[in-house]
Amino acid sequence: MNTAENDRRPLRVEEAATLAGIGRGAMYTAVKDGTVPSLRIGRRVLIPRKAFFEWLDGDKAA
């Protein structure tokens, strides 16, 4: 695992988009349709790192 995966802080949508190599709008769409696991706290959308990297690794295997 690299340092980004070991960090326990949730990702912001912009950070997740950069790590996945997609645009911010595409990441918001993936969050909205449930493709990417996320949680909403007030107006903020956060993506748990562990769930994100599991999703990303699973996406690469497909």
PDB file of N, CA and C in Angstrom:
ATOM      1  N   MET A   1       0.839  -1.193   0.000  1.00  0.00           N
ATOM      2  CA  MET A   1       0.000   0.000   0.000  1.00  0.00           C
ATOM      3  C   MET A   1       0.875   1.245   0.000  1.00  0.00           C
ATOM      4  N   ASN A   2       0.404   2.261  -0.676  1.00  0.00           N
ATOM      5  CA  ASN A   2       1.161   3.501  -0.656  1.00  0.00           C
ATOM      6  C   ASN A   2       0.655   4.403   0.459  1.00  0.00           C
ATOM      7  N   THR A   3       1.267   5.533   0.641  1.00  0.00           N
ATOM      8  CA  THR A   3       0.922   6.455   1.714  1.00  0.00           C
ATOM      9  C   THR A   3      -0.518   6.935   1.613  1.00  0.00           C
ATOM     10  N   ALA A   4      -1.010   7.202   0.425  1.00  0.00           N
ATOM     11  CA  ALA A   4      -2.382   7.689   0.258  1.00  0.00           C
ATOM     12  C   ALA A   4      -3.390   6.664   0.758  1.00  0.00           C
ATOM     13  N   GLU A   5      -3.090   5.388   0.588  1.00  0.00           N
ATOM     14  CA  GLU A   5      -4.004   4.346   1.039  1.00  0.00           C
ATOM     15  C   GLU A   5      -3.956   4.169   2.553  1.00  0.00           C
ATOM     16  N   ASN A   6      -2.837   4.454   3.190  1.00  0.00           N
ATOM     17  CA  ASN A   6      -2.692   4.273   4.634  1.00  0.00           C
ATOM     18  C   ASN A   6      -3.313   5.411   5.431  1.00  0.00           C
ATOM     19  N   ASP A   7      -3.514   6.541   4.838  1.00  0.00           N
ATOM     20  CA  ASP A   7      -4.110   7.698   5.507  1.00  0.00           C
ATOM     21  C   ASP A   7      -5.563   7.386   5.831  1.00  0.00           C
ATOM     22  N   ARG A   8      -6.022   7.735   7.020  1.00  0.00           N
ATOM     23  CA  ARG A   8      -7.384   7.395   7.443  1.00  0.00           C
ATOM     24  C   ARG A   8      -8.408   8.481   7.129  1.00  0.00           C
ATOM     25  N   ARG A   9      -7.959   9.674   6.752  1.00  0.00           N
ATOM     26  CA  ARG A   9      -8.904  10.754   6.452  1.00  0.00           C
ATOM     27  C   ARG A   9      -9.700  10.451   5.195  1.00  0.00           C
ATOM     28  N   PRO A  10     -10.987  10.783   5.191  1.00  0.00           N
ATOM     29  CA  PRO A  10     -11.769  10.569   3.969  1.00  0.00           C
ATOM     30  C   PRO A  10     -11.296  11.507   2.859  1.00  0.00           C
ATOM     31  N   LEU A  11     -11.568  11.117   1.645  1.00  0.00           N
ATOM     32  CA  LEU A  11     -11.204  11.923   0.483  1.00  0.00           C
ATOM     33  C   LEU A  11     -12.326  12.887   0.134  1.00  0.00           C
ATOM     34  N   ARG A  12     -11.947  14.060  -0.341  1.00  0.00           N
ATOM     35  CA  ARG A  12     -12.920  14.946  -0.968  1.00  0.00           C
ATOM     36  C   ARG A  12     -13.120  14.455  -2.390  1.00  0.00           C
ATOM     37  N   VAL A  13     -14.205  14.824  -2.998  1.00  0.00           N
ATOM     38  CA  VAL A  13     -14.514  14.374  -4.358  1.00  0.00           C
ATOM     39  C   VAL A  13     -13.391  14.770  -5.317  1.00  0.00           C
ATOM     40  N   GLU A  14     -12.863  15.953  -5.170  1.00  0.00           N
ATOM     41  CA  GLU A  14     -11.789  16.423  -6.053  1.00  0.00           C
ATOM     42  C   GLU A  14     -10.546  15.550  -5.924  1.00  0.00           C
ATOM     43  N   GLU A  15     -10.199  15.161  -4.689  1.00  0.00           N
ATOM     44  CA  GLU A  15      -9.032  14.308  -4.469  1.00  0.00           C
ATOM     45  C   GLU A  15      -9.248  12.926  -5.082  1.00  0.00           C
ATOM     46  N   ALA A  16     -10.439  12.380  -4.873  1.00  0.00           N
ATOM     47  CA  ALA A  16     -10.752  11.060  -5.420  1.00  0.00           C
ATOM     48  C   ALA A  16     -10.710  11.084  -6.945  1.00  0.00           C
ATOM     49  N   ALA A  17     -11.220  12.145  -7.536  1.00  0.00           N
ATOM     50  CA  ALA A  17     -11.202  12.267  -8.992  1.00  0.00           C
ATOM     51  C   ALA A  17      -9.769  12.273  -9.511  1.00  0.00           C
ATOM     52  N   THR A  18      -8.899  13.014  -8.853  1.00  0.00           N
ATOM     53  CA  THR A  18      -7.495  13.068  -9.260  1.00  0.00           C
ATOM     54  C   THR A  18      -6.847  11.694  -9.150  1.00  0.00           C
ATOM     55  N   LEU A  19      -7.080  11.000  -8.036  1.00  0.00           N
ATOM     56  CA  LEU A  19      -6.492   9.675  -7.837  1.00  0.00           C
ATOM     57  C   LEU A  19      -7.025   8.664  -8.852  1.00  0.00           C
ATOM     58  N   ALA A  20      -8.290   8.805  -9.241  1.00  0.00           N
ATOM     59  CA  ALA A  20      -8.888   7.880 -10.200  1.00  0.00           C
ATOM     60  C   ALA A  20      -8.561   8.260 -11.644  1.00  0.00           C
ATOM     61  N   GLY A  21      -8.063   9.475 -11.834  1.00  0.00           N
ATOM     62  CA  GLY A  21      -7.721   9.915 -13.183  1.00  0.00           C
ATOM     63  C   GLY A  21      -8.927  10.312 -14.009  1.00  0.00           C
ATOM     64  N   ILE A  22      -9.971  10.798 -13.335  1.00  0.00           N
ATOM     65  CA  ILE A  22     -11.169  11.257 -14.038  1.00  0.00           C
ATOM     66  C   ILE A  22     -11.486  12.683 -13.618  1.00  0.00           C
ATOM     67  N   GLY A  23     -12.399  13.310 -14.283  1.00  0.00           N
ATOM     68  CA  GLY A  23     -12.785  14.674 -13.957  1.00  0.00           C
ATOM     69  C   GLY A  23     -13.669  14.749 -12.722  1.00  0.00           C
ATOM     70  N   ARG A  24     -13.726  15.936 -12.157  1.00  0.00           N
ATOM     71  CA  ARG A  24     -14.536  16.166 -10.964  1.00  0.00           C
ATOM     72  C   ARG A  24     -16.010  15.881 -11.222  1.00  0.00           C
ATOM     73  N   GLY A  25     -16.510  16.307 -12.363  1.00  0.00           N
ATOM     74  CA  GLY A  25     -17.912  16.071 -12.707  1.00  0.00           C
ATOM     75  C   GLY A  25     -18.234  14.585 -12.824  1.00  0.00           C
ATOM     76  N   ALA A  26     -17.314  13.840 -13.418  1.00  0.00           N
ATOM     77  CA  ALA A  26     -17.515  12.393 -13.547  1.00  0.00           C
ATOM     78  C   ALA A  26     -17.529  11.726 -12.175  1.00  0.00           C
ATOM     79  N   MET A  27     -16.680  12.206 -11.261  1.00  0.00           N
ATOM     80  CA  MET A  27     -16.654  11.628  -9.918  1.00  0.00           C
ATOM     81  C   MET A  27     -17.943  11.962  -9.172  1.00  0.00           C
ATOM     82  N   TYR A  28     -18.435  13.194  -9.313  1.00  0.00           N
ATOM     83  CA  TYR A  28     -19.714  13.540  -8.680  1.00  0.00           C
ATOM     84  C   TYR A  28     -20.837  12.666  -9.229  1.00  0.00           C
ATOM     85  N   THR A  29     -20.823  12.383 -10.512  1.00  0.00           N
ATOM     86  CA  THR A  29     -21.835  11.508 -11.110  1.00  0.00           C
ATOM     87  C   THR A  29     -21.731  10.101 -10.529  1.00  0.00           C
ATOM     88  N   ALA A  30     -20.516   9.585 -10.406  1.00  0.00           N
ATOM     89  CA  ALA A  30     -20.302   8.248  -9.847  1.00  0.00           C
ATOM     90  C   ALA A  30     -20.753   8.174  -8.391  1.00  0.00           C
ATOM     91  N   VAL A  31     -20.540   9.241  -7.644  1.00  0.00           N
ATOM     92  CA  VAL A  31     -20.994   9.294  -6.254  1.00  0.00           C
ATOM     93  C   VAL A  31     -22.517   9.338  -6.217  1.00  0.00           C
ATOM     94  N   LYS A  32     -23.105  10.165  -7.056  1.00  0.00           N
ATOM     95  CA  LYS A  32     -24.557  10.335  -7.055  1.00  0.00           C
ATOM     96  C   LYS A  32     -25.283   9.050  -7.422  1.00  0.00           C
ATOM     97  N   ASP A  33     -24.758   8.298  -8.392  1.00  0.00           N
ATOM     98  CA  ASP A  33     -25.437   7.064  -8.795  1.00  0.00           C
ATOM     99  C   ASP A  33     -25.021   5.842  -7.969  1.00  0.00           C
ATOM    100  N   GLY A  34     -24.144   6.043  -6.983  1.00  0.00           N
ATOM    101  CA  GLY A  34     -23.771   4.969  -6.068  1.00  0.00           C
ATOM    102  C   GLY A  34     -22.632   4.092  -6.546  1.00  0.00           C
ATOM    103  N   THR A  35     -22.026   4.428  -7.667  1.00  0.00           N
ATOM    104  CA  THR A  35     -20.898   3.655  -8.170  1.00  0.00           C
ATOM    105  C   THR A  35     -19.710   3.731  -7.216  1.00  0.00           C
ATOM    106  N   VAL A  36     -19.483   4.914  -6.671  1.00  0.00           N
ATOM    107  CA  VAL A  36     -18.407   5.134  -5.706  1.00  0.00           C
ATOM    108  C   VAL A  36     -19.038   5.294  -4.323  1.00  0.00           C
ATOM    109  N   PRO A  37     -18.583   4.509  -3.349  1.00  0.00           N
ATOM    110  CA  PRO A  37     -19.136   4.633  -2.004  1.00  0.00           C
ATOM    111  C   PRO A  37     -18.809   6.000  -1.411  1.00  0.00           C
ATOM    112  N   SER A  38     -19.789   6.611  -0.759  1.00  0.00           N
ATOM    113  CA  SER A  38     -19.567   7.941  -0.195  1.00  0.00           C
ATOM    114  C   SER A  38     -20.504   8.168   0.981  1.00  0.00           C
ATOM    115  N   LEU A  39     -20.254   9.246   1.691  1.00  0.00           N
ATOM    116  CA  LEU A  39     -21.151   9.664   2.753  1.00  0.00           C
ATOM    117  C   LEU A  39     -21.280  11.170   2.696  1.00  0.00           C
ATOM    118  N   ARG A  40     -22.415  11.640   3.140  1.00  0.00           N
ATOM    119  CA  ARG A  40     -22.693  13.076   3.119  1.00  0.00           C
ATOM    120  C   ARG A  40     -22.787  13.545   4.561  1.00  0.00           C
ATOM    121  N   ILE A  41     -22.038  14.591   4.855  1.00  0.00           N
ATOM    122  CA  ILE A  41     -22.097  15.227   6.170  1.00  0.00           C
ATOM    123  C   ILE A  41     -22.430  16.687   5.903  1.00  0.00           C
ATOM    124  N   GLY A  42     -23.663  17.034   6.190  1.00  0.00           N
ATOM    125  CA  GLY A  42     -24.130  18.370   5.830  1.00  0.00           C
ATOM    126  C   GLY A  42     -24.105  18.511   4.322  1.00  0.00           C
ATOM    127  N   ARG A  43     -23.399  19.520   3.846  1.00  0.00           N
ATOM    128  CA  ARG A  43     -23.292  19.736   2.396  1.00  0.00           C
ATOM    129  C   ARG A  43     -22.051  19.088   1.804  1.00  0.00           C
ATOM    130  N   ARG A  44     -21.202  18.539   2.661  1.00  0.00           N
ATOM    131  CA  ARG A  44     -19.960  17.926   2.181  1.00  0.00           C
ATOM    132  C   ARG A  44     -20.173  16.486   1.759  1.00  0.00           C
ATOM    133  N   VAL A  45     -19.532  16.105   0.691  1.00  0.00           N
ATOM    134  CA  VAL A  45     -19.529  14.714   0.236  1.00  0.00           C
ATOM    135  C   VAL A  45     -18.123  14.185   0.476  1.00  0.00           C
ATOM    136  N   LEU A  46     -18.036  13.118   1.255  1.00  0.00           N
ATOM    137  CA  LEU A  46     -16.748  12.521   1.579  1.00  0.00           C
ATOM    138  C   LEU A  46     -16.735  11.067   1.137  1.00  0.00           C
ATOM    139  N   ILE A  47     -15.567  10.610   0.765  1.00  0.00           N
ATOM    140  CA  ILE A  47     -15.402   9.246   0.287  1.00  0.00           C
ATOM    141  C   ILE A  47     -14.402   8.557   1.208  1.00  0.00           C
ATOM    142  N   PRO A  48     -14.840   7.524   1.934  1.00  0.00           N
ATOM    143  CA  PRO A  48     -13.898   6.804   2.800  1.00  0.00           C
ATOM    144  C   PRO A  48     -12.759   6.209   1.975  1.00  0.00           C
ATOM    145  N   ARG A  49     -11.527   6.438   2.416  1.00  0.00           N
ATOM    146  CA  ARG A  49     -10.358   5.992   1.657  1.00  0.00           C
ATOM    147  C   ARG A  49     -10.360   4.494   1.394  1.00  0.00           C
ATOM    148  N   LYS A  50     -10.608   3.713   2.442  1.00  0.00           N
ATOM    149  CA  LYS A  50     -10.557   2.259   2.291  1.00  0.00           C
ATOM    150  C   LYS A  50     -11.560   1.810   1.227  1.00  0.00           C
ATOM    151  N   ALA A  51     -12.783   2.296   1.314  1.00  0.00           N
ATOM    152  CA  ALA A  51     -13.812   1.929   0.338  1.00  0.00           C
ATOM    153  C   ALA A  51     -13.429   2.416  -1.060  1.00  0.00           C
ATOM    154  N   PHE A  52     -12.848   3.606  -1.153  1.00  0.00           N
ATOM    155  CA  PHE A  52     -12.445   4.141  -2.460  1.00  0.00           C
ATOM    156  C   PHE A  52     -11.387   3.263  -3.109  1.00  0.00           C
ATOM    157  N   PHE A  53     -10.348   2.904  -2.344  1.00  0.00           N
ATOM    158  CA  PHE A  53      -9.276   2.104  -2.928  1.00  0.00           C
ATOM    159  C   PHE A  53      -9.745   0.684  -3.233  1.00  0.00           C
ATOM    160  N   GLU A  54     -10.670   0.147  -2.443  1.00  0.00           N
ATOM    161  CA  GLU A  54     -11.249  -1.156  -2.775  1.00  0.00           C
ATOM    162  C   GLU A  54     -12.033  -1.056  -4.082  1.00  0.00           C
ATOM    163  N   TRP A  55     -12.808   0.011  -4.226  1.00  0.00           N
ATOM    164  CA  TRP A  55     -13.559   0.234  -5.470  1.00  0.00           C
ATOM    165  C   TRP A  55     -12.606   0.405  -6.641  1.00  0.00           C
ATOM    166  N   LEU A  56     -11.566   1.193  -6.458  1.00  0.00           N
ATOM    167  CA  LEU A  56     -10.617   1.456  -7.522  1.00  0.00           C
ATOM    168  C   LEU A  56      -9.885   0.183  -7.929  1.00  0.00           C
ATOM    169  N   ASP A  57      -9.454  -0.621  -6.963  1.00  0.00           N
ATOM    170  CA  ASP A  57      -8.761  -1.884  -7.271  1.00  0.00           C
ATOM    171  C   ASP A  57      -9.707  -2.864  -7.960  1.00  0.00           C
ATOM    172  N   GLY A  58     -10.953  -2.898  -7.526  1.00  0.00           N
ATOM    173  CA  GLY A  58     -11.933  -3.773  -8.163  1.00  0.00           C
ATOM    174  C   GLY A  58     -12.233  -3.327  -9.579  1.00  0.00           C
ATOM    175  N   ASP A  59     -12.249  -2.005  -9.787  1.00  0.00           N
ATOM    176  CA  ASP A  59     -12.514  -1.439 -11.115  1.00  0.00           C
ATOM    177  C   ASP A  59     -11.380  -1.795 -12.077  1.00  0.00           C
ATOM    178  N   LYS A  60     -10.163  -1.816 -11.583  1.00  0.00           N
ATOM    179  CA  LYS A  60      -9.014  -2.132 -12.442  1.00  0.00           C
ATOM    180  C   LYS A  60      -9.007  -3.605 -12.824  1.00  0.00           C
ATOM    181  N   ALA A  61      -9.538  -4.475 -11.941  1.00  0.00           N
ATOM    182  CA  ALA A  61      -9.547  -5.904 -12.213  1.00  0.00           C
ATOM    183  C   ALA A  61     -10.591  -6.269 -13.267  1.00  0.00           C
ATOM    184  N   ALA A  62     -11.592  -5.412 -13.426  1.00  0.00           N
ATOM    185  CA  ALA A  62     -12.690  -5.721 -14.366  1.00  0.00           C
ATOM    186  C   ALA A  62     -12.277  -5.455 -15.799  1.00  0.00           C
TER     187      ALA A  62
END
